[in-house]
């Protein structure tokens, strides 16, 4: 986890206390994202604006 990125994960989380058990776990890192929550920009091209 690095400032200016977004980390997204899908799949099995049972190995760290979650309730989803399946045969796969995938992680993805998005570099320089623009992140918007409820029409409020949190990250703009990877820069924290809040």
PDB file of N, CA and C in Angstrom:
ATOM      1  N   UNK A   1       0.844  -1.174   0.000  1.00  0.00           N
ATOM      2  CA  UNK A   1       0.000   0.000   0.000  1.00  0.00           C
ATOM      3  C   UNK A   1       0.894   1.244   0.000  1.00  0.00           C
ATOM      4  N   UNK A   2       0.731   2.036  -1.033  1.00  0.00           N
ATOM      5  CA  UNK A   2       1.569   3.217  -1.223  1.00  0.00           C
ATOM      6  C   UNK A   2       0.679   4.426  -1.453  1.00  0.00           C
ATOM      7  N   UNK A   3       1.023   5.557  -0.840  1.00  0.00           N
ATOM      8  CA  UNK A   3       0.271   6.786  -1.050  1.00  0.00           C
ATOM      9  C   UNK A   3       0.233   7.112  -2.537  1.00  0.00           C
ATOM     10  N   UNK A   4      -0.955   7.425  -3.029  1.00  0.00           N
ATOM     11  CA  UNK A   4      -1.114   7.752  -4.439  1.00  0.00           C
ATOM     12  C   UNK A   4      -1.530   6.570  -5.289  1.00  0.00           C
ATOM     13  N   UNK A   5      -1.813   5.426  -4.640  1.00  0.00           N
ATOM     14  CA  UNK A   5      -2.294   4.249  -5.366  1.00  0.00           C
ATOM     15  C   UNK A   5      -3.594   3.769  -4.730  1.00  0.00           C
ATOM     16  N   UNK A   6      -4.289   2.892  -5.447  1.00  0.00           N
ATOM     17  CA  UNK A   6      -5.473   2.223  -4.913  1.00  0.00           C
ATOM     18  C   UNK A   6      -5.228   0.725  -5.027  1.00  0.00           C
ATOM     19  N   UNK A   7      -5.475  -0.011  -3.940  1.00  0.00           N
ATOM     20  CA  UNK A   7      -5.292  -1.459  -3.892  1.00  0.00           C
ATOM     21  C   UNK A   7      -6.671  -2.100  -3.922  1.00  0.00           C
ATOM     22  N   UNK A   8      -6.894  -3.015  -4.874  1.00  0.00           N
ATOM     23  CA  UNK A   8      -8.169  -3.709  -5.028  1.00  0.00           C
ATOM     24  C   UNK A   8      -7.893  -5.207  -4.959  1.00  0.00           C
ATOM     25  N   UNK A   9      -8.730  -5.946  -4.209  1.00  0.00           N
ATOM     26  CA  UNK A   9      -8.549  -7.395  -4.107  1.00  0.00           C
ATOM     27  C   UNK A   9      -9.887  -8.097  -4.279  1.00  0.00           C
ATOM     28  N   UNK A  10      -9.850  -9.265  -4.925  1.00  0.00           N
ATOM     29  CA  UNK A  10     -11.032 -10.087  -5.154  1.00  0.00           C
ATOM     30  C   UNK A  10     -10.710 -11.527  -4.768  1.00  0.00           C
ATOM     31  N   UNK A  11     -11.701 -12.231  -4.221  1.00  0.00           N
ATOM     32  CA  UNK A  11     -11.544 -13.662  -3.986  1.00  0.00           C
ATOM     33  C   UNK A  11     -11.437 -14.028  -2.523  1.00  0.00           C
ATOM     34  N   UNK A  12     -10.720 -15.129  -2.270  1.00  0.00           N
ATOM     35  CA  UNK A  12     -10.623 -15.741  -0.947  1.00  0.00           C
ATOM     36  C   UNK A  12     -10.024 -14.778   0.075  1.00  0.00           C
ATOM     37  N   UNK A  13     -10.716 -14.634   1.212  1.00  0.00           N
ATOM     38  CA  UNK A  13     -10.160 -13.844   2.315  1.00  0.00           C
ATOM     39  C   UNK A  13     -10.177 -14.631   3.620  1.00  0.00           C
ATOM     40  N   UNK A  14     -10.432 -15.942   3.535  1.00  0.00           N
ATOM     41  CA  UNK A  14     -10.550 -16.776   4.736  1.00  0.00           C
ATOM     42  C   UNK A  14      -9.231 -16.921   5.484  1.00  0.00           C
ATOM     43  N   UNK A  15      -8.108 -16.783   4.800  1.00  0.00           N
ATOM     44  CA  UNK A  15      -6.811 -16.944   5.461  1.00  0.00           C
ATOM     45  C   UNK A  15      -6.461 -15.775   6.375  1.00  0.00           C
ATOM     46  N   UNK A  16      -7.179 -14.673   6.263  1.00  0.00           N
ATOM     47  CA  UNK A  16      -6.939 -13.549   7.173  1.00  0.00           C
ATOM     48  C   UNK A  16      -8.214 -13.081   7.846  1.00  0.00           C
ATOM     49  N   UNK A  17      -9.071 -14.069   8.226  1.00  0.00           N
ATOM     50  CA  UNK A  17     -10.231 -13.780   9.065  1.00  0.00           C
ATOM     51  C   UNK A  17     -11.530 -13.490   8.348  1.00  0.00           C
ATOM     52  N   UNK A  18     -11.543 -13.516   7.024  1.00  0.00           N
ATOM     53  CA  UNK A  18     -12.766 -13.231   6.280  1.00  0.00           C
ATOM     54  C   UNK A  18     -13.684 -14.436   6.172  1.00  0.00           C
ATOM     55  N   UNK A  19     -14.816 -14.245   5.517  1.00  0.00           N
ATOM     56  CA  UNK A  19     -15.824 -15.294   5.386  1.00  0.00           C
ATOM     57  C   UNK A  19     -15.923 -15.867   3.971  1.00  0.00           C
ATOM     58  N   UNK A  20     -15.123 -15.368   3.038  1.00  0.00           N
ATOM     59  CA  UNK A  20     -15.187 -15.841   1.654  1.00  0.00           C
ATOM     60  C   UNK A  20     -14.089 -16.880   1.433  1.00  0.00           C
ATOM     61  N   UNK A  21     -14.504 -18.085   1.061  1.00  0.00           N
ATOM     62  CA  UNK A  21     -13.557 -19.156   0.789  1.00  0.00           C
ATOM     63  C   UNK A  21     -13.765 -19.640  -0.641  1.00  0.00           C
ATOM     64  N   UNK A  22     -12.762 -19.472  -1.479  1.00  0.00           N
ATOM     65  CA  UNK A  22     -12.825 -19.953  -2.861  1.00  0.00           C
ATOM     66  C   UNK A  22     -11.402 -20.267  -3.313  1.00  0.00           C
ATOM     67  N   UNK A  23     -11.263 -20.724  -4.517  1.00  0.00           N
ATOM     68  CA  UNK A  23      -9.968 -21.203  -4.987  1.00  0.00           C
ATOM     69  C   UNK A  23      -9.015 -20.153  -5.512  1.00  0.00           C
ATOM     70  N   UNK A  24      -9.329 -18.875  -5.346  1.00  0.00           N
ATOM     71  CA  UNK A  24      -8.462 -17.854  -5.942  1.00  0.00           C
ATOM     72  C   UNK A  24      -8.510 -16.554  -5.128  1.00  0.00           C
ATOM     73  N   UNK A  25      -7.431 -15.813  -5.169  1.00  0.00           N
ATOM     74  CA  UNK A  25      -7.367 -14.464  -4.597  1.00  0.00           C
ATOM     75  C   UNK A  25      -6.494 -13.626  -5.533  1.00  0.00           C
ATOM     76  N   UNK A  26      -7.034 -12.526  -6.016  1.00  0.00           N
ATOM     77  CA  UNK A  26      -6.307 -11.650  -6.938  1.00  0.00           C
ATOM     78  C   UNK A  26      -6.190 -10.252  -6.347  1.00  0.00           C
ATOM     79  N   UNK A  27      -5.019  -9.664  -6.450  1.00  0.00           N
ATOM     80  CA  UNK A  27      -4.782  -8.293  -6.008  1.00  0.00           C
ATOM     81  C   UNK A  27      -4.398  -7.443  -7.210  1.00  0.00           C
ATOM     82  N   UNK A  28      -4.801  -6.196  -7.170  1.00  0.00           N
ATOM     83  CA  UNK A  28      -4.419  -5.264  -8.213  1.00  0.00           C
ATOM     84  C   UNK A  28      -4.091  -3.911  -7.611  1.00  0.00           C
ATOM     85  N   UNK A  29      -3.091  -3.263  -8.154  1.00  0.00           N
ATOM     86  CA  UNK A  29      -2.687  -1.928  -7.716  1.00  0.00           C
ATOM     87  C   UNK A  29      -2.917  -0.972  -8.882  1.00  0.00           C
ATOM     88  N   UNK A  30      -3.599   0.124  -8.604  1.00  0.00           N
ATOM     89  CA  UNK A  30      -3.847   1.142  -9.621  1.00  0.00           C
ATOM     90  C   UNK A  30      -2.944   2.332  -9.302  1.00  0.00           C
ATOM     91  N   UNK A  31      -2.082   2.672 -10.246  1.00  0.00           N
ATOM     92  CA  UNK A  31      -1.129   3.767 -10.064  1.00  0.00           C
ATOM     93  C   UNK A  31      -1.736   5.069 -10.582  1.00  0.00           C
ATOM     94  N   UNK A  32      -1.591   6.136  -9.827  1.00  0.00           N
ATOM     95  CA  UNK A  32      -2.081   7.472 -10.179  1.00  0.00           C
ATOM     96  C   UNK A  32      -3.583   7.517 -10.464  1.00  0.00           C
ATOM     97  N   UNK A  33      -4.400   6.943  -9.573  1.00  0.00           N
ATOM     98  CA  UNK A  33      -5.849   6.923  -9.815  1.00  0.00           C
ATOM     99  C   UNK A  33      -6.508   8.235  -9.426  1.00  0.00           C
ATOM    100  N   UNK A  34      -7.696   8.443  -9.962  1.00  0.00           N
ATOM    101  CA  UNK A  34      -8.588   9.477  -9.454  1.00  0.00           C
ATOM    102  C   UNK A  34      -9.698   8.735  -8.731  1.00  0.00           C
ATOM    103  N   UNK A  35      -9.823   8.974  -7.433  1.00  0.00           N
ATOM    104  CA  UNK A  35     -10.791   8.289  -6.584  1.00  0.00           C
ATOM    105  C   UNK A  35     -11.834   9.286  -6.114  1.00  0.00           C
ATOM    106  N   UNK A  36     -13.087   8.975  -6.384  1.00  0.00           N
ATOM    107  CA  UNK A  36     -14.201   9.860  -6.048  1.00  0.00           C
ATOM    108  C   UNK A  36     -15.192   9.075  -5.196  1.00  0.00           C
ATOM    109  N   UNK A  37     -15.592   9.631  -4.059  1.00  0.00           N
ATOM    110  CA  UNK A  37     -16.588   9.015  -3.180  1.00  0.00           C
ATOM    111  C   UNK A  37     -17.677  10.042  -2.919  1.00  0.00           C
ATOM    112  N   UNK A  38     -18.927   9.671  -3.228  1.00  0.00           N
ATOM    113  CA  UNK A  38     -20.068  10.581  -3.057  1.00  0.00           C
ATOM    114  C   UNK A  38     -19.812  11.936  -3.715  1.00  0.00           C
ATOM    115  N   UNK A  39     -19.334  11.913  -4.947  1.00  0.00           N
ATOM    116  CA  UNK A  39     -19.042  13.120  -5.732  1.00  0.00           C
ATOM    117  C   UNK A  39     -17.945  13.999  -5.135  1.00  0.00           C
ATOM    118  N   UNK A  40     -17.181  13.461  -4.191  1.00  0.00           N
ATOM    119  CA  UNK A  40     -16.063  14.201  -3.602  1.00  0.00           C
ATOM    120  C   UNK A  40     -14.757  13.532  -4.032  1.00  0.00           C
ATOM    121  N   UNK A  41     -13.852  14.289  -4.627  1.00  0.00           N
ATOM    122  CA  UNK A  41     -12.576  13.736  -5.078  1.00  0.00           C
ATOM    123  C   UNK A  41     -11.644  13.581  -3.879  1.00  0.00           C
ATOM    124  N   UNK A  42     -11.141  12.346  -3.695  1.00  0.00           N
ATOM    125  CA  UNK A  42     -10.222  12.019  -2.608  1.00  0.00           C
ATOM    126  C   UNK A  42      -8.782  12.017  -3.132  1.00  0.00           C
ATOM    127  N   UNK A  43      -8.571  11.320  -4.253  1.00  0.00           N
ATOM    128  CA  UNK A  43      -7.285  11.311  -4.949  1.00  0.00           C
ATOM    129  C   UNK A  43      -7.504  11.838  -6.354  1.00  0.00           C
ATOM    130  N   UNK A  44      -6.640  12.720  -6.809  1.00  0.00           N
ATOM    131  CA  UNK A  44      -6.715  13.233  -8.175  1.00  0.00           C
ATOM    132  C   UNK A  44      -5.403  12.905  -8.874  1.00  0.00           C
ATOM    133  N   UNK A  45      -5.451  11.951  -9.791  1.00  0.00           N
ATOM    134  CA  UNK A  45      -4.262  11.474 -10.508  1.00  0.00           C
ATOM    135  C   UNK A  45      -3.159  11.085  -9.528  1.00  0.00           C
ATOM    136  N   UNK A  46      -3.561  10.410  -8.431  1.00  0.00           N
ATOM    137  CA  UNK A  46      -2.614   9.906  -7.447  1.00  0.00           C
ATOM    138  C   UNK A  46      -2.242  10.877  -6.348  1.00  0.00           C
ATOM    139  N   UNK A  47      -2.717  12.104  -6.421  1.00  0.00           N
ATOM    140  CA  UNK A  47      -2.393  13.104  -5.389  1.00  0.00           C
ATOM    141  C   UNK A  47      -3.563  13.251  -4.425  1.00  0.00           C
ATOM    142  N   UNK A  48      -3.280  13.162  -3.122  1.00  0.00           N
ATOM    143  CA  UNK A  48      -4.291  13.301  -2.082  1.00  0.00           C
ATOM    144  C   UNK A  48      -4.773  14.741  -2.027  1.00  0.00           C
ATOM    145  N   UNK A  49      -6.085  14.947  -2.154  1.00  0.00           N
ATOM    146  CA  UNK A  49      -6.620  16.309  -2.189  1.00  0.00           C
ATOM    147  C   UNK A  49      -7.577  16.603  -1.035  1.00  0.00           C
ATOM    148  N   UNK A  50      -7.766  15.663  -0.142  1.00  0.00           N
ATOM    149  CA  UNK A  50      -8.687  15.888   0.988  1.00  0.00           C
ATOM    150  C   UNK A  50      -7.936  16.526   2.125  1.00  0.00           C
TER     151      UNK A  50
END
